[in-house]
PDB file of all heavy atoms in Angstrom:
ATOM      1  N   PRO A   1     -23.814 -27.180 -42.571  1.00  0.00           N
ATOM      2  CA  PRO A   1     -23.470 -26.444 -41.348  1.00  0.00           C
ATOM      3  C   PRO A   1     -24.520 -26.567 -40.256  1.00  0.00           C
ATOM      4  O   PRO A   1     -24.188 -26.539 -39.069  1.00  0.00           O
ATOM      5  CB  PRO A   1     -23.323 -25.002 -41.828  1.00  0.00           C
ATOM      6  CG  PRO A   1     -24.102 -24.927 -43.106  1.00  0.00           C
ATOM      7  CD  PRO A   1     -23.946 -26.277 -43.731  1.00  0.00           C
ATOM      8  N   TYR A   2     -25.783 -26.711 -40.642  1.00  0.00           N
ATOM      9  CA  TYR A   2     -26.844 -26.752 -39.639  1.00  0.00           C
ATOM     10  C   TYR A   2     -26.739 -27.981 -38.735  1.00  0.00           C
ATOM     11  O   TYR A   2     -27.122 -27.935 -37.566  1.00  0.00           O
ATOM     12  CB  TYR A   2     -28.218 -26.712 -40.317  1.00  0.00           C
ATOM     13  CG  TYR A   2     -28.505 -25.382 -40.970  1.00  0.00           C
ATOM     14  CD1 TYR A   2     -28.346 -25.212 -42.340  1.00  0.00           C
ATOM     15  CD2 TYR A   2     -28.903 -24.275 -40.217  1.00  0.00           C
ATOM     16  CE1 TYR A   2     -28.581 -23.989 -42.951  1.00  0.00           C
ATOM     17  CE2 TYR A   2     -29.146 -23.046 -40.810  1.00  0.00           C
ATOM     18  CZ  TYR A   2     -28.996 -22.908 -42.173  1.00  0.00           C
ATOM     19  OH  TYR A   2     -29.216 -21.688 -42.767  1.00  0.00           O
ATOM     20  N   ALA A   3     -26.190 -29.072 -39.263  1.00  0.00           N
ATOM     21  CA  ALA A   3     -26.005 -30.267 -38.437  1.00  0.00           C
ATOM     22  C   ALA A   3     -25.053 -29.978 -37.287  1.00  0.00           C
ATOM     23  O   ALA A   3     -25.210 -30.520 -36.180  1.00  0.00           O
ATOM     24  CB  ALA A   3     -25.465 -31.421 -39.286  1.00  0.00           C
ATOM     25  N   TYR A   4     -24.088 -29.116 -37.518  1.00  0.00           N
ATOM     26  CA  TYR A   4     -23.102 -28.783 -36.491  1.00  0.00           C
ATOM     27  C   TYR A   4     -23.687 -27.837 -35.442  1.00  0.00           C
ATOM     28  O   TYR A   4     -23.368 -27.947 -34.259  1.00  0.00           O
ATOM     29  CB  TYR A   4     -21.854 -28.176 -37.144  1.00  0.00           C
ATOM     30  CG  TYR A   4     -21.087 -29.212 -37.927  1.00  0.00           C
ATOM     31  CD1 TYR A   4     -21.556 -29.672 -39.154  1.00  0.00           C
ATOM     32  CD2 TYR A   4     -19.917 -29.766 -37.435  1.00  0.00           C
ATOM     33  CE1 TYR A   4     -20.881 -30.650 -39.863  1.00  0.00           C
ATOM     34  CE2 TYR A   4     -19.228 -30.743 -38.131  1.00  0.00           C
ATOM     35  CZ  TYR A   4     -19.722 -31.181 -39.347  1.00  0.00           C
ATOM     36  OH  TYR A   4     -19.058 -32.160 -40.040  1.00  0.00           O
ATOM     37  N   VAL A   5     -24.531 -26.927 -35.883  1.00  0.00           N
ATOM     38  CA  VAL A   5     -25.205 -26.040 -34.928  1.00  0.00           C
ATOM     39  C   VAL A   5     -26.123 -26.857 -34.025  1.00  0.00           C
ATOM     40  O   VAL A   5     -26.115 -26.696 -32.793  1.00  0.00           O
ATOM     41  CB  VAL A   5     -25.994 -24.949 -35.674  1.00  0.00           C
ATOM     42  CG1 VAL A   5     -26.855 -24.153 -34.701  1.00  0.00           C
ATOM     43  CG2 VAL A   5     -25.048 -24.024 -36.434  1.00  0.00           C
ATOM     44  N   GLU A   6     -26.883 -27.757 -34.615  1.00  0.00           N
ATOM     45  CA  GLU A   6     -27.838 -28.549 -33.835  1.00  0.00           C
ATOM     46  C   GLU A   6     -27.139 -29.486 -32.856  1.00  0.00           C
ATOM     47  O   GLU A   6     -27.523 -29.575 -31.683  1.00  0.00           O
ATOM     48  CB  GLU A   6     -28.731 -29.357 -34.779  1.00  0.00           C
ATOM     49  CG  GLU A   6     -29.840 -30.133 -34.096  1.00  0.00           C
ATOM     50  CD  GLU A   6     -30.886 -29.236 -33.458  1.00  0.00           C
ATOM     51  OE1 GLU A   6     -31.069 -28.089 -33.939  1.00  0.00           O
ATOM     52  OE2 GLU A   6     -31.522 -29.660 -32.468  1.00  0.00           O
ATOM     53  N   SER A   7     -26.108 -30.167 -33.306  1.00  0.00           N
ATOM     54  CA  SER A   7     -25.441 -31.150 -32.450  1.00  0.00           C
ATOM     55  C   SER A   7     -24.440 -30.507 -31.505  1.00  0.00           C
ATOM     56  O   SER A   7     -24.471 -30.728 -30.293  1.00  0.00           O
ATOM     57  CB  SER A   7     -24.738 -32.195 -33.318  1.00  0.00           C
ATOM     58  OG  SER A   7     -24.061 -33.138 -32.515  1.00  0.00           O
ATOM     59  N   ASN A   8     -23.543 -29.694 -32.059  1.00  0.00           N
ATOM     60  CA  ASN A   8     -22.407 -29.209 -31.278  1.00  0.00           C
ATOM     61  C   ASN A   8     -22.732 -28.007 -30.404  1.00  0.00           C
ATOM     62  O   ASN A   8     -22.060 -27.786 -29.395  1.00  0.00           O
ATOM     63  CB  ASN A   8     -21.238 -28.878 -32.203  1.00  0.00           C
ATOM     64  CG  ASN A   8     -20.740 -30.081 -32.966  1.00  0.00           C
ATOM     65  OD1 ASN A   8     -21.256 -31.178 -32.815  1.00  0.00           O
ATOM     66  ND2 ASN A   8     -19.731 -29.890 -33.796  1.00  0.00           N
ATOM     67  N   LEU A   9     -23.742 -27.224 -30.777  1.00  0.00           N
ATOM     68  CA  LEU A   9     -24.117 -26.075 -29.955  1.00  0.00           C
ATOM     69  C   LEU A   9     -25.353 -26.374 -29.109  1.00  0.00           C
ATOM     70  O   LEU A   9     -25.307 -26.308 -27.877  1.00  0.00           O
ATOM     71  CB  LEU A   9     -24.347 -24.847 -30.842  1.00  0.00           C
ATOM     72  CG  LEU A   9     -23.131 -24.395 -31.658  1.00  0.00           C
ATOM     73  CD1 LEU A   9     -23.444 -23.123 -32.442  1.00  0.00           C
ATOM     74  CD2 LEU A   9     -21.914 -24.165 -30.765  1.00  0.00           C
ATOM     75  N   VAL A  10     -26.444 -26.734 -29.768  1.00  0.00           N
ATOM     76  CA  VAL A  10     -27.664 -27.061 -29.016  1.00  0.00           C
ATOM     77  C   VAL A  10     -27.429 -28.300 -28.156  1.00  0.00           C
ATOM     78  O   VAL A  10     -27.805 -28.348 -26.976  1.00  0.00           O
ATOM     79  CB  VAL A  10     -28.861 -27.271 -29.965  1.00  0.00           C
ATOM     80  CG1 VAL A  10     -30.106 -27.691 -29.173  1.00  0.00           C
ATOM     81  CG2 VAL A  10     -29.148 -25.998 -30.759  1.00  0.00           C
ATOM     82  N   GLY A  11     -26.796 -29.306 -28.731  1.00  0.00           N
ATOM     83  CA  GLY A  11     -26.536 -30.527 -27.964  1.00  0.00           C
ATOM     84  C   GLY A  11     -25.641 -30.271 -26.775  1.00  0.00           C
ATOM     85  O   GLY A  11     -25.874 -30.803 -25.677  1.00  0.00           O
ATOM     86  N   PHE A  12     -24.631 -29.421 -26.939  1.00  0.00           N
ATOM     87  CA  PHE A  12     -23.688 -29.183 -25.840  1.00  0.00           C
ATOM     88  C   PHE A  12     -24.327 -28.355 -24.723  1.00  0.00           C
ATOM     89  O   PHE A  12     -24.022 -28.579 -23.541  1.00  0.00           O
ATOM     90  CB  PHE A  12     -22.421 -28.505 -26.356  1.00  0.00           C
ATOM     91  CG  PHE A  12     -21.299 -28.510 -25.357  1.00  0.00           C
ATOM     92  CD1 PHE A  12     -20.729 -29.704 -24.942  1.00  0.00           C
ATOM     93  CD2 PHE A  12     -20.804 -27.336 -24.820  1.00  0.00           C
ATOM     94  CE1 PHE A  12     -19.683 -29.729 -24.023  1.00  0.00           C
ATOM     95  CE2 PHE A  12     -19.768 -27.345 -23.895  1.00  0.00           C
ATOM     96  CZ  PHE A  12     -19.211 -28.543 -23.493  1.00  0.00           C
ATOM     97  N   ILE A  13     -25.209 -27.420 -25.061  1.00  0.00           N
ATOM     98  CA  ILE A  13     -25.874 -26.668 -23.994  1.00  0.00           C
ATOM     99  C   ILE A  13     -26.767 -27.596 -23.183  1.00  0.00           C
ATOM    100  O   ILE A  13     -26.924 -27.430 -21.961  1.00  0.00           O
ATOM    101  CB  ILE A  13     -26.671 -25.465 -24.547  1.00  0.00           C
ATOM    102  CG1 ILE A  13     -27.050 -24.495 -23.415  1.00  0.00           C
ATOM    103  CG2 ILE A  13     -27.918 -25.905 -25.280  1.00  0.00           C
ATOM    104  CD1 ILE A  13     -25.884 -23.838 -22.756  1.00  0.00           C
ATOM    105  N   ASN A  14     -27.328 -28.608 -23.827  1.00  0.00           N
ATOM    106  CA  ASN A  14     -28.116 -29.600 -23.086  1.00  0.00           C
ATOM    107  C   ASN A  14     -27.240 -30.375 -22.103  1.00  0.00           C
ATOM    108  O   ASN A  14     -27.663 -30.670 -20.977  1.00  0.00           O
ATOM    109  CB  ASN A  14     -28.797 -30.564 -24.059  1.00  0.00           C
ATOM    110  CG  ASN A  14     -29.909 -29.907 -24.854  1.00  0.00           C
ATOM    111  OD1 ASN A  14     -30.473 -28.898 -24.435  1.00  0.00           O
ATOM    112  ND2 ASN A  14     -30.234 -30.472 -26.008  1.00  0.00           N
ATOM    113  N   ILE A  15     -26.019 -30.707 -22.538  1.00  0.00           N
ATOM    114  CA  ILE A  15     -25.079 -31.392 -21.645  1.00  0.00           C
ATOM    115  C   ILE A  15     -24.752 -30.517 -20.445  1.00  0.00           C
ATOM    116  O   ILE A  15     -24.764 -30.968 -19.289  1.00  0.00           O
ATOM    117  CB  ILE A  15     -23.782 -31.756 -22.404  1.00  0.00           C
ATOM    118  CG1 ILE A  15     -24.055 -32.815 -23.492  1.00  0.00           C
ATOM    119  CG2 ILE A  15     -22.694 -32.229 -21.446  1.00  0.00           C
ATOM    120  CD1 ILE A  15     -24.403 -34.180 -22.951  1.00  0.00           C
ATOM    121  N   LEU A  16     -24.449 -29.258 -20.701  1.00  0.00           N
ATOM    122  CA  LEU A  16     -24.097 -28.344 -19.611  1.00  0.00           C
ATOM    123  C   LEU A  16     -25.253 -28.159 -18.634  1.00  0.00           C
ATOM    124  O   LEU A  16     -25.055 -28.142 -17.411  1.00  0.00           O
ATOM    125  CB  LEU A  16     -23.660 -26.992 -20.186  1.00  0.00           C
ATOM    126  CG  LEU A  16     -22.325 -26.983 -20.934  1.00  0.00           C
ATOM    127  CD1 LEU A  16     -22.120 -25.641 -21.638  1.00  0.00           C
ATOM    128  CD2 LEU A  16     -21.162 -27.274 -19.992  1.00  0.00           C
ATOM    129  N   GLU A  17     -26.451 -28.020 -19.155  1.00  0.00           N
ATOM    130  CA  GLU A  17     -27.615 -27.857 -18.284  1.00  0.00           C
ATOM    131  C   GLU A  17     -27.854 -29.112 -17.447  1.00  0.00           C
ATOM    132  O   GLU A  17     -28.184 -29.031 -16.260  1.00  0.00           O
ATOM    133  CB  GLU A  17     -28.849 -27.533 -19.123  1.00  0.00           C
ATOM    134  CG  GLU A  17     -28.944 -26.077 -19.533  1.00  0.00           C
ATOM    135  CD  GLU A  17     -29.268 -25.185 -18.328  1.00  0.00           C
ATOM    136  OE1 GLU A  17     -30.433 -25.177 -17.903  1.00  0.00           O
ATOM    137  OE2 GLU A  17     -28.347 -24.515 -17.806  1.00  0.00           O
ATOM    138  N   ALA A  18     -27.668 -30.278 -18.069  1.00  0.00           N
ATOM    139  CA  ALA A  18     -27.844 -31.528 -17.322  1.00  0.00           C
ATOM    140  C   ALA A  18     -26.812 -31.624 -16.197  1.00  0.00           C
ATOM    141  O   ALA A  18     -27.129 -32.039 -15.079  1.00  0.00           O
ATOM    142  CB  ALA A  18     -27.713 -32.727 -18.265  1.00  0.00           C
ATOM    143  N   CYS A  19     -25.569 -31.219 -16.494  1.00  0.00           N
ATOM    144  CA  CYS A  19     -24.526 -31.238 -15.459  1.00  0.00           C
ATOM    145  C   CYS A  19     -24.868 -30.274 -14.322  1.00  0.00           C
ATOM    146  O   CYS A  19     -24.696 -30.594 -13.137  1.00  0.00           O
ATOM    147  CB  CYS A  19     -23.184 -30.870 -16.065  1.00  0.00           C
ATOM    148  SG  CYS A  19     -22.488 -32.117 -17.179  1.00  0.00           S
ATOM    149  N   ARG A  20     -25.341 -29.100 -14.680  1.00  0.00           N
ATOM    150  CA  ARG A  20     -25.663 -28.100 -13.659  1.00  0.00           C
ATOM    151  C   ARG A  20     -26.772 -28.564 -12.741  1.00  0.00           C
ATOM    152  O   ARG A  20     -26.696 -28.426 -11.517  1.00  0.00           O
ATOM    153  CB  ARG A  20     -26.066 -26.779 -14.333  1.00  0.00           C
ATOM    154  CG  ARG A  20     -26.578 -25.720 -13.355  1.00  0.00           C
ATOM    155  CD  ARG A  20     -26.655 -24.372 -14.011  1.00  0.00           C
ATOM    156  NE  ARG A  20     -27.805 -24.176 -14.847  1.00  0.00           N
ATOM    157  CZ  ARG A  20     -28.924 -23.565 -14.445  1.00  0.00           C
ATOM    158  NH1 ARG A  20     -29.043 -23.133 -13.193  1.00  0.00           N
ATOM    159  NH2 ARG A  20     -29.920 -23.377 -15.289  1.00  0.00           N
ATOM    160  N   HIS A  21     -27.814 -29.139 -13.299  1.00  0.00           N
ATOM    161  CA  HIS A  21     -28.993 -29.501 -12.508  1.00  0.00           C
ATOM    162  C   HIS A  21     -28.845 -30.827 -11.778  1.00  0.00           C
ATOM    163  O   HIS A  21     -29.662 -31.149 -10.919  1.00  0.00           O
ATOM    164  CB  HIS A  21     -30.229 -29.526 -13.403  1.00  0.00           C
ATOM    165  CG  HIS A  21     -30.655 -28.165 -13.855  1.00  0.00           C
ATOM    166  ND1 HIS A  21     -31.132 -27.197 -12.992  1.00  0.00           N
ATOM    167  CD2 HIS A  21     -30.657 -27.595 -15.086  1.00  0.00           C
ATOM    168  CE1 HIS A  21     -31.423 -26.101 -13.650  1.00  0.00           C
ATOM    169  NE2 HIS A  21     -31.143 -26.308 -14.935  1.00  0.00           N
ATOM    170  N   HIS A  22     -27.802 -31.598 -12.127  1.00  0.00           N
ATOM    171  CA  HIS A  22     -27.607 -32.884 -11.459  1.00  0.00           C
ATOM    172  C   HIS A  22     -26.277 -32.943 -10.705  1.00  0.00           C
ATOM    173  O   HIS A  22     -25.800 -34.026 -10.379  1.00  0.00           O
ATOM    174  CB  HIS A  22     -27.690 -34.032 -12.483  1.00  0.00           C
ATOM    175  CG  HIS A  22     -29.071 -34.215 -13.037  1.00  0.00           C
ATOM    176  ND1 HIS A  22     -29.544 -33.484 -14.116  1.00  0.00           N
ATOM    177  CD2 HIS A  22     -30.094 -35.014 -12.642  1.00  0.00           C
ATOM    178  CE1 HIS A  22     -30.785 -33.852 -14.381  1.00  0.00           C
ATOM    179  NE2 HIS A  22     -31.147 -34.761 -13.507  1.00  0.00           N
ATOM    180  N   ALA A  23     -25.724 -31.789 -10.417  1.00  0.00           N
ATOM    181  CA  ALA A  23     -24.542 -31.678  -9.556  1.00  0.00           C
ATOM    182  C   ALA A  23     -23.408 -32.600  -9.991  1.00  0.00           C
ATOM    183  O   ALA A  23     -22.803 -33.296  -9.173  1.00  0.00           O
ATOM    184  CB  ALA A  23     -24.920 -31.948  -8.104  1.00  0.00           C
ATOM    185  N   VAL A  24     -23.118 -32.612 -11.292  1.00  0.00           N
ATOM    186  CA  VAL A  24     -22.008 -33.413 -11.807  1.00  0.00           C
ATOM    187  C   VAL A  24     -20.692 -32.868 -11.248  1.00  0.00           C
ATOM    188  O   VAL A  24     -20.464 -31.654 -11.225  1.00  0.00           O
ATOM    189  CB  VAL A  24     -22.004 -33.389 -13.352  1.00  0.00           C
ATOM    190  CG1 VAL A  24     -20.710 -33.949 -13.911  1.00  0.00           C
ATOM    191  CG2 VAL A  24     -23.192 -34.189 -13.876  1.00  0.00           C
ATOM    192  N   GLU A  25     -19.838 -33.750 -10.793  1.00  0.00           N
ATOM    193  CA  GLU A  25     -18.602 -33.335 -10.127  1.00  0.00           C
ATOM    194  C   GLU A  25     -17.546 -32.808 -11.096  1.00  0.00           C
ATOM    195  O   GLU A  25     -16.731 -31.958 -10.727  1.00  0.00           O
ATOM    196  CB  GLU A  25     -18.023 -34.498  -9.319  1.00  0.00           C
ATOM    197  CG  GLU A  25     -18.910 -34.944  -8.165  1.00  0.00           C
ATOM    198  CD  GLU A  25     -18.307 -36.090  -7.388  1.00  0.00           C
ATOM    199  OE1 GLU A  25     -17.148 -36.481  -7.701  1.00  0.00           O
ATOM    200  OE2 GLU A  25     -18.961 -36.603  -6.470  1.00  0.00           O
ATOM    201  N   HIS A  26     -17.542 -33.332 -12.324  1.00  0.00           N
ATOM    202  CA  HIS A  26     -16.512 -32.929 -13.280  1.00  0.00           C
ATOM    203  C   HIS A  26     -16.958 -33.334 -14.678  1.00  0.00           C
ATOM    204  O   HIS A  26     -17.252 -34.503 -14.921  1.00  0.00           O
ATOM    205  CB  HIS A  26     -15.174 -33.606 -12.938  1.00  0.00           C
ATOM    206  CG  HIS A  26     -14.027 -33.155 -13.790  1.00  0.00           C
ATOM    207  ND1 HIS A  26     -12.886 -33.926 -13.951  1.00  0.00           N
ATOM    208  CD2 HIS A  26     -13.811 -32.026 -14.511  1.00  0.00           C
ATOM    209  CE1 HIS A  26     -12.029 -33.285 -14.727  1.00  0.00           C
ATOM    210  NE2 HIS A  26     -12.569 -32.129 -15.088  1.00  0.00           N
TER     211      HIS A  26
END
């Protein structure tokens, strides 16, 4: 289960933060 927390939760928040700070359109 920890692999899913690390990739799917921690990894996805990194994606969202990158989108927010780099003005991703969609």
